[in-house]
Amino acid sequence: MSRTVVKPKRQSWRVHLSRPIQVRNGPKLETLADVRDFILAEPGHVQDRPLWQLAAAALLDAAENGGPIALATRRMENALFLQARWGSK
């Protein structure tokens, strides 16, 4: 008997976030691609922070594996909130 392997649905980088994110003094992030571009534009020391790593992992999971968009949105909001609170040093 052969088994059928069901691959997760791959989404597009053009998929919209659960809700738009307005970055203070910055762009409005509406799609997974917007978030990707925003993270990649951050300095390396910011990208290396654990919360940014979690946001990036959720983003990749959403775009590449059909993971939950709401999780990617929330992780990005958390990273931005804490960056604003702690400063972007």
C-alpha atoms as a PDB file:
ATOM      1  CA  MET A   1       0.000   0.000   0.000  1.00  0.00           C
ATOM      2  CA  SER A   2       1.460   3.367  -0.969  1.00  0.00           C
ATOM      3  CA  ARG A   3       1.141   6.399   1.228  1.00  0.00           C
ATOM      4  CA  THR A   4       0.412   9.819  -0.081  1.00  0.00           C
ATOM      5  CA  VAL A   5       2.539  12.529   1.436  1.00  0.00           C
ATOM      6  CA  VAL A   6       0.671  15.787   1.780  1.00  0.00           C
ATOM      7  CA  LYS A   7       2.948  18.787   1.622  1.00  0.00           C
ATOM      8  CA  PRO A   8       1.925  21.921   3.496  1.00  0.00           C
ATOM      9  CA  LYS A   9       0.394  24.597   1.336  1.00  0.00           C
ATOM     10  CA  ARG A  10       3.057  27.063   0.266  1.00  0.00           C
ATOM     11  CA  GLN A  11       1.906  30.639   0.460  1.00  0.00           C
ATOM     12  CA  SER A  12       3.181  33.612  -1.412  1.00  0.00           C
ATOM     13  CA  TRP A  13       5.311  36.412  -0.037  1.00  0.00           C
ATOM     14  CA  ARG A  14       2.470  38.655  -1.270  1.00  0.00           C
ATOM     15  CA  VAL A  15       0.080  37.297   1.374  1.00  0.00           C
ATOM     16  CA  HIS A  16      -1.251  40.015   3.678  1.00  0.00           C
ATOM     17  CA  LEU A  17      -0.530  40.047   7.385  1.00  0.00           C
ATOM     18  CA  SER A  18      -3.396  39.498   9.838  1.00  0.00           C
ATOM     19  CA  ARG A  19      -3.442  43.265  10.261  1.00  0.00           C
ATOM     20  CA  PRO A  20      -1.178  46.017   8.905  1.00  0.00           C
ATOM     21  CA  ILE A  21       1.697  47.115  11.133  1.00  0.00           C
ATOM     22  CA  GLN A  22       2.604  50.794  11.148  1.00  0.00           C
ATOM     23  CA  VAL A  23       6.252  51.165  12.146  1.00  0.00           C
ATOM     24  CA  ARG A  24       6.896  54.302  14.172  1.00  0.00           C
ATOM     25  CA  ASN A  25       8.724  56.757  11.897  1.00  0.00           C
ATOM     26  CA  GLY A  26       8.779  54.064   9.245  1.00  0.00           C
ATOM     27  CA  PRO A  27       6.789  52.148   6.673  1.00  0.00           C
ATOM     28  CA  LYS A  28       3.453  50.448   6.906  1.00  0.00           C
ATOM     29  CA  LEU A  29       3.967  46.688   6.702  1.00  0.00           C
ATOM     30  CA  GLU A  30       1.087  44.932   4.986  1.00  0.00           C
ATOM     31  CA  THR A  31       2.490  41.747   3.416  1.00  0.00           C
ATOM     32  CA  LEU A  32       4.983  39.035   4.265  1.00  0.00           C
ATOM     33  CA  ALA A  33       7.283  40.599   1.657  1.00  0.00           C
ATOM     34  CA  ASP A  34       7.070  43.972   3.419  1.00  0.00           C
ATOM     35  CA  VAL A  35       8.159  42.344   6.682  1.00  0.00           C
ATOM     36  CA  ARG A  36      10.946  40.393   4.947  1.00  0.00           C
ATOM     37  CA  ASP A  37      12.313  43.562   3.356  1.00  0.00           C
ATOM     38  CA  PHE A  38      12.066  45.467   6.635  1.00  0.00           C
ATOM     39  CA  ILE A  39      13.955  42.794   8.599  1.00  0.00           C
ATOM     40  CA  LEU A  40      16.651  42.491   5.929  1.00  0.00           C
ATOM     41  CA  ALA A  41      17.175  46.273   6.027  1.00  0.00           C
ATOM     42  CA  GLU A  42      17.900  46.175   9.775  1.00  0.00           C
ATOM     43  CA  PRO A  43      21.549  46.076  10.894  1.00  0.00           C
ATOM     44  CA  GLY A  44      22.998  42.627  11.557  1.00  0.00           C
ATOM     45  CA  HIS A  45      23.175  43.130  15.317  1.00  0.00           C
ATOM     46  CA  VAL A  46      19.417  43.808  15.341  1.00  0.00           C
ATOM     47  CA  GLN A  47      18.647  40.812  13.124  1.00  0.00           C
ATOM     48  CA  ASP A  48      20.651  38.614  15.515  1.00  0.00           C
ATOM     49  CA  ARG A  49      18.453  39.415  18.515  1.00  0.00           C
ATOM     50  CA  PRO A  50      16.332  36.460  19.671  1.00  0.00           C
ATOM     51  CA  LEU A  51      12.979  38.212  19.144  1.00  0.00           C
ATOM     52  CA  TRP A  52      13.939  39.165  15.600  1.00  0.00           C
ATOM     53  CA  GLN A  53      15.041  35.585  14.997  1.00  0.00           C
ATOM     54  CA  LEU A  54      11.622  34.372  16.198  1.00  0.00           C
ATOM     55  CA  ALA A  55       9.887  36.875  13.938  1.00  0.00           C
ATOM     56  CA  ALA A  56      11.997  35.794  10.959  1.00  0.00           C
ATOM     57  CA  ALA A  57      11.327  32.098  11.648  1.00  0.00           C
ATOM     58  CA  ALA A  58       7.562  32.672  11.819  1.00  0.00           C
ATOM     59  CA  LEU A  59       7.748  34.764   8.656  1.00  0.00           C
ATOM     60  CA  LEU A  60       9.611  32.045   6.750  1.00  0.00           C
ATOM     61  CA  ASP A  61       7.230  29.380   8.032  1.00  0.00           C
ATOM     62  CA  ALA A  62       4.235  31.404   6.852  1.00  0.00           C
ATOM     63  CA  ALA A  63       5.675  32.122   3.407  1.00  0.00           C
ATOM     64  CA  GLU A  64       7.393  28.816   2.685  1.00  0.00           C
ATOM     65  CA  ASN A  65       5.294  26.243   4.565  1.00  0.00           C
ATOM     66  CA  GLY A  66       1.848  27.793   4.872  1.00  0.00           C
ATOM     67  CA  GLY A  67       2.353  28.488   8.575  1.00  0.00           C
ATOM     68  CA  PRO A  68       0.018  30.771  10.507  1.00  0.00           C
ATOM     69  CA  ILE A  69      -0.005  34.379   9.313  1.00  0.00           C
ATOM     70  CA  ALA A  70      -1.324  35.541  12.688  1.00  0.00           C
ATOM     71  CA  LEU A  71       1.775  34.150  14.423  1.00  0.00           C
ATOM     72  CA  ALA A  72       4.121  35.895  11.986  1.00  0.00           C
ATOM     73  CA  THR A  73       2.205  39.151  12.473  1.00  0.00           C
ATOM     74  CA  ARG A  74       2.295  38.878  16.270  1.00  0.00           C
ATOM     75  CA  ARG A  75       5.990  38.007  16.411  1.00  0.00           C
ATOM     76  CA  MET A  76       6.806  41.020  14.253  1.00  0.00           C
ATOM     77  CA  GLU A  77       4.700  43.276  16.476  1.00  0.00           C
ATOM     78  CA  ASN A  78       6.516  41.929  19.554  1.00  0.00           C
ATOM     79  CA  ALA A  79       9.952  42.513  18.034  1.00  0.00           C
ATOM     80  CA  LEU A  80       9.047  46.071  17.033  1.00  0.00           C
ATOM     81  CA  PHE A  81       7.529  46.817  20.438  1.00  0.00           C
ATOM     82  CA  LEU A  82      10.579  45.643  22.328  1.00  0.00           C
ATOM     83  CA  GLN A  83      12.964  47.389  19.948  1.00  0.00           C
ATOM     84  CA  ALA A  84      11.078  50.648  20.559  1.00  0.00           C
ATOM     85  CA  ARG A  85      11.090  50.043  24.312  1.00  0.00           C
ATOM     86  CA  TRP A  86      14.764  49.072  24.589  1.00  0.00           C
ATOM     87  CA  GLY A  87      16.010  51.262  21.773  1.00  0.00           C
ATOM     88  CA  SER A  88      17.715  50.066  18.611  1.00  0.00           C
ATOM     89  CA  LYS A  89      21.257  50.170  20.018  1.00  0.00           C
END
